[in-house]
Amino acid sequence: MDRKTKRKTELALLCGILGSLCFGVGDWLLGYVDPTPIGENIFYFISAGHGAGYDAWKIVVTLVMAMVGMCFLVPGMTGSAEVARKSGTRKLLRYLFALCAVGWIVIHFGVAVNVLVFSIAERAGGRELAISLSYDMNNVCLLFLYCAYVFVAAALITLIVLILCGKTRLKWTATLFTPAVPMGIISVVSGLLPASPFAYGLSTFCMNGGLIVWFVYLLLHQDTVTEDCTDEF
């Protein structure tokens, strides 16, 4: 692979790390709260810490960081498709990771908007009003969030399958660094910790943490990622 293409791939991976960090900051701000459950008829992410005492500036920072982050995350995700050996597989991965990026953004904004509405509603009319509005929003948003999670899962599972089937230029051990694995590890660790804002914040950061591990792994193995490949299908 020529020097220009190698540099382009490296830049895409760096963009991916930056984008993941931007989203991660927002996720941490959303999750670093009192994790005490409120009830069943409520948006799944909402906890006691998202009520009237939740600072409005955190939502502002979360949404701004997301808008900045998506400008970097999309090229980072699609750029990681260069691990595929053949052009047909690369196109498939680019398509799936583009959908994954869309799902990522939908999940992030969906959660942030629900937290914002719940917090404002509790300030304006109390906990009962906030729960009622959250329940209504949950009914509206749930289908979109399910679709978003399917987009994300499709890309991450396909990536693991392609590596294990030898369709990429990575060894099978690379599957241990694909986003799904560190996501799961971070999620399990957060679940084992005593309930606290830190543990909850860590669990909300897990998706972006998994992406960061993947992009860093690819940067450290750049010679493998950018070695000469065929354009045959």
C-alpha atoms as a PDB file:
ATOM      1  CA  MET A   1       0.000   0.000   0.000  1.00  0.00           C
ATOM      2  CA  ASP A   2       1.383   3.423  -0.962  1.00  0.00           C
ATOM      3  CA  ARG A   3       2.520   6.027   1.539  1.00  0.00           C
ATOM      4  CA  LYS A   4      -0.463   8.305   0.877  1.00  0.00           C
ATOM      5  CA  THR A   5      -2.993   5.555   1.603  1.00  0.00           C
ATOM      6  CA  LYS A   6      -1.101   4.499   4.720  1.00  0.00           C
ATOM      7  CA  ARG A   7      -1.138   8.058   6.003  1.00  0.00           C
ATOM      8  CA  LYS A   8      -4.842   8.337   5.225  1.00  0.00           C
ATOM      9  CA  THR A   9      -5.595   5.181   7.219  1.00  0.00           C
ATOM     10  CA  GLU A  10      -3.516   6.405  10.156  1.00  0.00           C
ATOM     11  CA  LEU A  11      -5.393   9.713  10.135  1.00  0.00           C
ATOM     12  CA  ALA A  12      -8.739   7.887  10.074  1.00  0.00           C
ATOM     13  CA  LEU A  13      -7.757   5.835  13.124  1.00  0.00           C
ATOM     14  CA  LEU A  14      -6.641   8.946  15.002  1.00  0.00           C
ATOM     15  CA  CYS A  15      -9.991  10.541  14.122  1.00  0.00           C
ATOM     16  CA  GLY A  16     -11.693   7.471  15.529  1.00  0.00           C
ATOM     17  CA  ILE A  17      -9.873   7.814  18.841  1.00  0.00           C
ATOM     18  CA  LEU A  18     -10.703  11.520  19.065  1.00  0.00           C
ATOM     19  CA  GLY A  19     -14.342  10.921  18.189  1.00  0.00           C
ATOM     20  CA  SER A  20     -14.635   8.135  20.764  1.00  0.00           C
ATOM     21  CA  LEU A  21     -13.111  10.381  23.424  1.00  0.00           C
ATOM     22  CA  CYS A  22     -15.613  13.130  22.614  1.00  0.00           C
ATOM     23  CA  PHE A  23     -18.535  10.739  22.941  1.00  0.00           C
ATOM     24  CA  GLY A  24     -16.924   9.188  26.014  1.00  0.00           C
ATOM     25  CA  VAL A  25     -16.778  12.527  27.824  1.00  0.00           C
ATOM     26  CA  GLY A  26     -20.489  12.979  27.220  1.00  0.00           C
ATOM     27  CA  ASP A  27     -21.305   9.443  28.318  1.00  0.00           C
ATOM     28  CA  TRP A  28     -19.318   9.892  31.524  1.00  0.00           C
ATOM     29  CA  LEU A  29     -21.189  13.112  32.324  1.00  0.00           C
ATOM     30  CA  LEU A  30     -24.480  11.312  31.701  1.00  0.00           C
ATOM     31  CA  GLY A  31     -23.536   8.328  33.848  1.00  0.00           C
ATOM     32  CA  TYR A  32     -21.624   9.824  36.769  1.00  0.00           C
ATOM     33  CA  VAL A  33     -24.725  10.247  38.950  1.00  0.00           C
ATOM     34  CA  ASP A  34     -26.559   8.531  41.781  1.00  0.00           C
ATOM     35  CA  PRO A  35     -27.486   5.180  40.176  1.00  0.00           C
ATOM     36  CA  THR A  36     -30.419   4.416  42.494  1.00  0.00           C
ATOM     37  CA  PRO A  37     -33.309   3.063  40.357  1.00  0.00           C
ATOM     38  CA  ILE A  38     -36.510   5.101  40.266  1.00  0.00           C
ATOM     39  CA  GLY A  39     -39.080   2.645  38.944  1.00  0.00           C
ATOM     40  CA  GLU A  40     -40.104   0.400  36.080  1.00  0.00           C
ATOM     41  CA  ASN A  41     -42.270   2.728  33.979  1.00  0.00           C
ATOM     42  CA  ILE A  42     -39.409   4.950  32.932  1.00  0.00           C
ATOM     43  CA  PHE A  43     -36.713   5.273  30.286  1.00  0.00           C
ATOM     44  CA  TYR A  44     -34.166   2.511  30.939  1.00  0.00           C
ATOM     45  CA  PHE A  45     -31.179   4.823  31.492  1.00  0.00           C
ATOM     46  CA  ILE A  46     -32.785   7.212  33.985  1.00  0.00           C
ATOM     47  CA  SER A  47     -31.811   6.961  37.658  1.00  0.00           C
ATOM     48  CA  ALA A  48     -32.248   9.122  40.751  1.00  0.00           C
ATOM     49  CA  GLY A  49     -29.239  11.265  39.851  1.00  0.00           C
ATOM     50  CA  HIS A  50     -30.875  12.542  36.665  1.00  0.00           C
ATOM     51  CA  GLY A  51     -33.552  14.514  38.495  1.00  0.00           C
ATOM     52  CA  ALA A  52     -33.818  18.170  39.419  1.00  0.00           C
ATOM     53  CA  GLY A  53     -30.291  18.202  40.813  1.00  0.00           C
ATOM     54  CA  TYR A  54     -28.698  17.174  37.532  1.00  0.00           C
ATOM     55  CA  ASP A  55     -26.700  20.139  36.187  1.00  0.00           C
ATOM     56  CA  ALA A  56     -27.931  21.506  32.856  1.00  0.00           C
ATOM     57  CA  TRP A  57     -24.369  22.290  31.725  1.00  0.00           C
ATOM     58  CA  LYS A  58     -23.615  18.568  31.612  1.00  0.00           C
ATOM     59  CA  ILE A  59     -26.269  18.050  28.934  1.00  0.00           C
ATOM     60  CA  VAL A  60     -24.949  21.031  26.965  1.00  0.00           C
ATOM     61  CA  VAL A  61     -21.403  19.644  27.052  1.00  0.00           C
ATOM     62  CA  THR A  62     -22.683  16.150  26.185  1.00  0.00           C
ATOM     63  CA  LEU A  63     -24.558  17.343  23.085  1.00  0.00           C
ATOM     64  CA  VAL A  64     -21.763  19.648  21.906  1.00  0.00           C
ATOM     65  CA  MET A  65     -19.154  16.922  22.334  1.00  0.00           C
ATOM     66  CA  ALA A  66     -21.395  14.517  20.423  1.00  0.00           C
ATOM     67  CA  MET A  67     -21.729  16.903  17.479  1.00  0.00           C
ATOM     68  CA  VAL A  68     -17.965  17.383  17.394  1.00  0.00           C
ATOM     69  CA  GLY A  69     -17.322  13.709  17.995  1.00  0.00           C
ATOM     70  CA  MET A  70     -19.476  12.402  15.145  1.00  0.00           C
ATOM     71  CA  CYS A  71     -17.355  14.399  12.661  1.00  0.00           C
ATOM     72  CA  PHE A  72     -14.388  12.254  13.718  1.00  0.00           C
ATOM     73  CA  LEU A  73     -16.083   8.985  14.638  1.00  0.00           C
ATOM     74  CA  VAL A  74     -17.598   8.316  11.200  1.00  0.00           C
ATOM     75  CA  PRO A  75     -14.278   8.413   9.261  1.00  0.00           C
ATOM     76  CA  GLY A  76     -12.633   6.482  12.089  1.00  0.00           C
ATOM     77  CA  MET A  77     -15.150   3.658  11.936  1.00  0.00           C
ATOM     78  CA  THR A  78     -15.266   3.405   8.147  1.00  0.00           C
ATOM     79  CA  GLY A  79     -11.469   3.749   7.953  1.00  0.00           C
ATOM     80  CA  SER A  80     -10.981   0.662  10.095  1.00  0.00           C
ATOM     81  CA  ALA A  81     -12.490  -1.351   7.225  1.00  0.00           C
ATOM     82  CA  GLU A  82      -9.011  -1.302   5.665  1.00  0.00           C
ATOM     83  CA  VAL A  83      -8.212  -4.411   7.711  1.00  0.00           C
ATOM     84  CA  ALA A  84     -10.126  -6.478   5.123  1.00  0.00           C
ATOM     85  CA  ARG A  85      -8.064  -8.366   2.541  1.00  0.00           C
ATOM     86  CA  LYS A  86     -10.318  -7.841  -0.480  1.00  0.00           C
ATOM     87  CA  SER A  87     -12.275  -4.894  -1.792  1.00  0.00           C
ATOM     88  CA  GLY A  88     -15.633  -6.637  -1.501  1.00  0.00           C
ATOM     89  CA  THR A  89     -15.110  -7.308   2.191  1.00  0.00           C
ATOM     90  CA  ARG A  90     -13.864  -3.762   2.737  1.00  0.00           C
ATOM     91  CA  LYS A  91     -17.012  -2.363   1.148  1.00  0.00           C
ATOM     92  CA  LEU A  92     -19.149  -4.567   3.384  1.00  0.00           C
ATOM     93  CA  LEU A  93     -17.306  -3.384   6.487  1.00  0.00           C
ATOM     94  CA  ARG A  94     -17.525   0.273   5.437  1.00  0.00           C
ATOM     95  CA  TYR A  95     -21.272  -0.088   4.953  1.00  0.00           C
ATOM     96  CA  LEU A  96     -21.773  -1.856   8.272  1.00  0.00           C
ATOM     97  CA  PHE A  97     -19.582   0.598  10.178  1.00  0.00           C
ATOM     98  CA  ALA A  98     -21.409   3.535   8.594  1.00  0.00           C
ATOM     99  CA  LEU A  99     -24.642   2.056   9.966  1.00  0.00           C
ATOM    100  CA  CYS A 100     -22.839   1.446  13.259  1.00  0.00           C
ATOM    101  CA  ALA A 101     -21.902   5.143  13.438  1.00  0.00           C
ATOM    102  CA  VAL A 102     -25.533   6.102  12.797  1.00  0.00           C
ATOM    103  CA  GLY A 103     -26.631   3.747  15.571  1.00  0.00           C
ATOM    104  CA  TRP A 104     -23.972   5.181  17.887  1.00  0.00           C
ATOM    105  CA  ILE A 105     -25.256   8.713  17.345  1.00  0.00           C
ATOM    106  CA  VAL A 106     -28.926   7.732  17.749  1.00  0.00           C
ATOM    107  CA  ILE A 107     -28.221   5.962  21.055  1.00  0.00           C
ATOM    108  CA  HIS A 108     -26.172   8.871  22.391  1.00  0.00           C
ATOM    109  CA  PHE A 109     -28.659  11.581  21.457  1.00  0.00           C
ATOM    110  CA  GLY A 110     -31.623   9.444  22.501  1.00  0.00           C
ATOM    111  CA  VAL A 111     -30.225   8.989  26.002  1.00  0.00           C
ATOM    112  CA  ALA A 112     -29.120  12.625  26.327  1.00  0.00           C
ATOM    113  CA  VAL A 113     -32.501  14.029  25.281  1.00  0.00           C
ATOM    114  CA  ASN A 114     -34.363  11.714  27.653  1.00  0.00           C
ATOM    115  CA  VAL A 115     -32.134  12.776  30.547  1.00  0.00           C
ATOM    116  CA  LEU A 116     -32.674  16.433  29.635  1.00  0.00           C
ATOM    117  CA  VAL A 117     -36.466  16.083  29.516  1.00  0.00           C
ATOM    118  CA  PHE A 118     -36.580  14.147  32.792  1.00  0.00           C
ATOM    119  CA  SER A 119     -34.410  16.692  34.595  1.00  0.00           C
ATOM    120  CA  ILE A 120     -36.373  19.709  33.323  1.00  0.00           C
ATOM    121  CA  ALA A 121     -39.723  18.048  34.050  1.00  0.00           C
ATOM    122  CA  GLU A 122     -38.739  17.253  37.636  1.00  0.00           C
ATOM    123  CA  ARG A 123     -37.676  20.845  38.201  1.00  0.00           C
ATOM    124  CA  ALA A 124     -40.900  22.172  36.710  1.00  0.00           C
ATOM    125  CA  GLY A 125     -43.512  19.758  38.042  1.00  0.00           C
ATOM    126  CA  GLY A 126     -41.946  17.203  40.351  1.00  0.00           C
ATOM    127  CA  ARG A 127     -41.009  13.528  40.162  1.00  0.00           C
ATOM    128  CA  GLU A 128     -44.420  12.209  39.058  1.00  0.00           C
ATOM    129  CA  LEU A 129     -44.521  14.495  36.006  1.00  0.00           C
ATOM    130  CA  ALA A 130     -40.923  13.573  35.127  1.00  0.00           C
ATOM    131  CA  ILE A 131     -41.683   9.852  35.338  1.00  0.00           C
ATOM    132  CA  SER A 132     -44.815  10.256  33.215  1.00  0.00           C
ATOM    133  CA  LEU A 133     -42.959  12.145  30.479  1.00  0.00           C
ATOM    134  CA  SER A 134     -40.074   9.686  30.593  1.00  0.00           C
ATOM    135  CA  TYR A 135     -42.512   6.798  30.160  1.00  0.00           C
ATOM    136  CA  ASP A 136     -44.087   8.490  27.135  1.00  0.00           C
ATOM    137  CA  MET A 137     -40.703   9.227  25.579  1.00  0.00           C
ATOM    138  CA  ASN A 138     -39.606   5.676  26.231  1.00  0.00           C
ATOM    139  CA  ASN A 139     -42.552   4.394  24.187  1.00  0.00           C
ATOM    140  CA  VAL A 140     -41.659   6.729  21.332  1.00  0.00           C
ATOM    141  CA  CYS A 141     -37.902   6.193  21.331  1.00  0.00           C
ATOM    142  CA  LEU A 142     -37.575   2.515  22.141  1.00  0.00           C
ATOM    143  CA  LEU A 143     -38.013   1.206  18.576  1.00  0.00           C
ATOM    144  CA  PHE A 144     -35.370   3.616  17.247  1.00  0.00           C
ATOM    145  CA  LEU A 145     -32.975   2.637  20.015  1.00  0.00           C
ATOM    146  CA  TYR A 146     -33.516  -1.072  19.342  1.00  0.00           C
ATOM    147  CA  CYS A 147     -32.709  -0.496  15.660  1.00  0.00           C
ATOM    148  CA  ALA A 148     -29.620   1.508  16.635  1.00  0.00           C
ATOM    149  CA  TYR A 149     -28.350  -1.306  18.864  1.00  0.00           C
ATOM    150  CA  VAL A 150     -28.950  -3.785  16.021  1.00  0.00           C
ATOM    151  CA  PHE A 151     -26.831  -1.629  13.669  1.00  0.00           C
ATOM    152  CA  VAL A 152     -24.018  -1.526  16.229  1.00  0.00           C
ATOM    153  CA  ALA A 153     -24.178  -5.239  16.990  1.00  0.00           C
ATOM    154  CA  ALA A 154     -24.253  -6.200  13.284  1.00  0.00           C
ATOM    155  CA  ALA A 155     -21.002  -4.343  12.601  1.00  0.00           C
ATOM    156  CA  LEU A 156     -19.156  -5.593  15.676  1.00  0.00           C
ATOM    157  CA  ILE A 157     -20.189  -9.229  15.278  1.00  0.00           C
ATOM    158  CA  THR A 158     -19.414  -9.232  11.544  1.00  0.00           C
ATOM    159  CA  LEU A 159     -15.945  -7.835  12.257  1.00  0.00           C
ATOM    160  CA  ILE A 160     -15.194 -10.699  14.667  1.00  0.00           C
ATOM    161  CA  VAL A 161     -16.509 -13.312  12.206  1.00  0.00           C
ATOM    162  CA  LEU A 162     -14.409 -11.909   9.333  1.00  0.00           C
ATOM    163  CA  ILE A 163     -11.249 -11.956  11.432  1.00  0.00           C
ATOM    164  CA  LEU A 164     -11.858 -15.543  12.571  1.00  0.00           C
ATOM    165  CA  CYS A 165     -12.584 -16.627   8.977  1.00  0.00           C
ATOM    166  CA  GLY A 166      -9.303 -15.141   7.719  1.00  0.00           C
ATOM    167  CA  LYS A 167     -10.987 -12.434   5.647  1.00  0.00           C
ATOM    168  CA  THR A 168      -8.815  -9.714   7.171  1.00  0.00           C
ATOM    169  CA  ARG A 169      -5.061  -9.210   7.514  1.00  0.00           C
ATOM    170  CA  LEU A 170      -5.257  -9.595  11.285  1.00  0.00           C
ATOM    171  CA  LYS A 171      -4.508 -12.686  13.364  1.00  0.00           C
ATOM    172  CA  TRP A 172      -7.356 -14.347  15.260  1.00  0.00           C
ATOM    173  CA  THR A 173      -5.983 -12.864  18.484  1.00  0.00           C
ATOM    174  CA  ALA A 174      -7.099  -9.470  17.179  1.00  0.00           C
ATOM    175  CA  THR A 175     -10.677 -10.462  18.033  1.00  0.00           C
ATOM    176  CA  LEU A 176      -9.746  -9.883  21.683  1.00  0.00           C
ATOM    177  CA  PHE A 177      -9.295  -6.186  20.862  1.00  0.00           C
ATOM    178  CA  THR A 178     -12.350  -5.682  18.670  1.00  0.00           C
ATOM    179  CA  PRO A 179     -14.772  -3.226  20.337  1.00  0.00           C
ATOM    180  CA  ALA A 180     -17.241  -5.829  21.627  1.00  0.00           C
ATOM    181  CA  VAL A 181     -14.684  -7.575  23.878  1.00  0.00           C
ATOM    182  CA  PRO A 182     -13.336  -4.571  25.842  1.00  0.00           C
ATOM    183  CA  MET A 183     -16.902  -3.246  26.000  1.00  0.00           C
ATOM    184  CA  GLY A 184     -17.952  -6.433  27.707  1.00  0.00           C
ATOM    185  CA  ILE A 185     -14.969  -6.406  30.064  1.00  0.00           C
ATOM    186  CA  ILE A 186     -15.581  -2.797  31.127  1.00  0.00           C
ATOM    187  CA  SER A 187     -19.283  -3.512  31.579  1.00  0.00           C
ATOM    188  CA  VAL A 188     -18.591  -6.593  33.733  1.00  0.00           C
ATOM    189  CA  VAL A 189     -16.055  -4.692  35.861  1.00  0.00           C
ATOM    190  CA  SER A 190     -18.519  -1.841  36.415  1.00  0.00           C
ATOM    191  CA  GLY A 191     -21.164  -4.381  37.434  1.00  0.00           C
ATOM    192  CA  LEU A 192     -18.846  -5.992  39.990  1.00  0.00           C
ATOM    193  CA  LEU A 193     -18.045  -2.672  41.648  1.00  0.00           C
ATOM    194  CA  PRO A 194     -20.246  -1.411  44.485  1.00  0.00           C
ATOM    195  CA  ALA A 195     -23.103   0.760  43.206  1.00  0.00           C
ATOM    196  CA  SER A 196     -21.772   4.299  42.881  1.00  0.00           C
ATOM    197  CA  PRO A 197     -21.582   7.198  40.427  1.00  0.00           C
ATOM    198  CA  PHE A 198     -18.153   5.938  39.353  1.00  0.00           C
ATOM    199  CA  ALA A 199     -19.431   2.430  38.603  1.00  0.00           C
ATOM    200  CA  TYR A 200     -22.427   3.809  36.694  1.00  0.00           C
ATOM    201  CA  GLY A 201     -20.246   6.268  34.780  1.00  0.00           C
ATOM    202  CA  LEU A 202     -17.864   3.446  33.874  1.00  0.00           C
ATOM    203  CA  SER A 203     -20.735   1.352  32.530  1.00  0.00           C
ATOM    204  CA  THR A 204     -21.943   4.200  30.308  1.00  0.00           C
ATOM    205  CA  PHE A 205     -18.390   4.757  29.051  1.00  0.00           C
ATOM    206  CA  CYS A 206     -17.915   1.093  28.079  1.00  0.00           C
ATOM    207  CA  MET A 207     -19.013   1.402  24.432  1.00  0.00           C
ATOM    208  CA  ASN A 208     -16.635   4.238  23.671  1.00  0.00           C
ATOM    209  CA  GLY A 209     -13.915   2.608  25.757  1.00  0.00           C
ATOM    210  CA  GLY A 210     -14.184  -0.466  23.544  1.00  0.00           C
ATOM    211  CA  LEU A 211     -13.798   1.627  20.405  1.00  0.00           C
ATOM    212  CA  ILE A 212     -10.732   3.395  21.796  1.00  0.00           C
ATOM    213  CA  VAL A 213      -9.059   0.039  22.504  1.00  0.00           C
ATOM    214  CA  TRP A 214      -9.791  -1.102  18.923  1.00  0.00           C
ATOM    215  CA  PHE A 215      -8.452   2.030  17.252  1.00  0.00           C
ATOM    216  CA  VAL A 216      -5.312   2.050  19.417  1.00  0.00           C
ATOM    217  CA  TYR A 217      -4.735  -1.628  18.597  1.00  0.00           C
ATOM    218  CA  LEU A 218      -4.948  -0.904  14.867  1.00  0.00           C
ATOM    219  CA  LEU A 219      -2.540   2.015  15.187  1.00  0.00           C
ATOM    220  CA  LEU A 220      -0.026  -0.184  16.991  1.00  0.00           C
ATOM    221  CA  HIS A 221      -0.370  -2.801  14.229  1.00  0.00           C
ATOM    222  CA  GLN A 222      -0.448  -0.337  11.352  1.00  0.00           C
ATOM    223  CA  ASP A 223       2.029  -2.270   9.212  1.00  0.00           C
ATOM    224  CA  THR A 224      -0.394  -5.187   9.198  1.00  0.00           C
ATOM    225  CA  VAL A 225      -3.425  -3.006   8.553  1.00  0.00           C
ATOM    226  CA  THR A 226      -1.855  -1.183   5.616  1.00  0.00           C
ATOM    227  CA  GLU A 227       0.125  -3.944   3.949  1.00  0.00           C
ATOM    228  CA  ASP A 228      -0.483  -4.567   0.250  1.00  0.00           C
ATOM    229  CA  CYS A 229      -3.841  -6.151  -0.486  1.00  0.00           C
ATOM    230  CA  THR A 230      -5.735  -7.365  -3.542  1.00  0.00           C
ATOM    231  CA  ASP A 231      -8.795  -5.738  -5.067  1.00  0.00           C
ATOM    232  CA  GLU A 232     -10.314  -9.071  -6.011  1.00  0.00           C
ATOM    233  CA  PHE A 233     -13.722  -9.980  -4.635  1.00  0.00           C
END
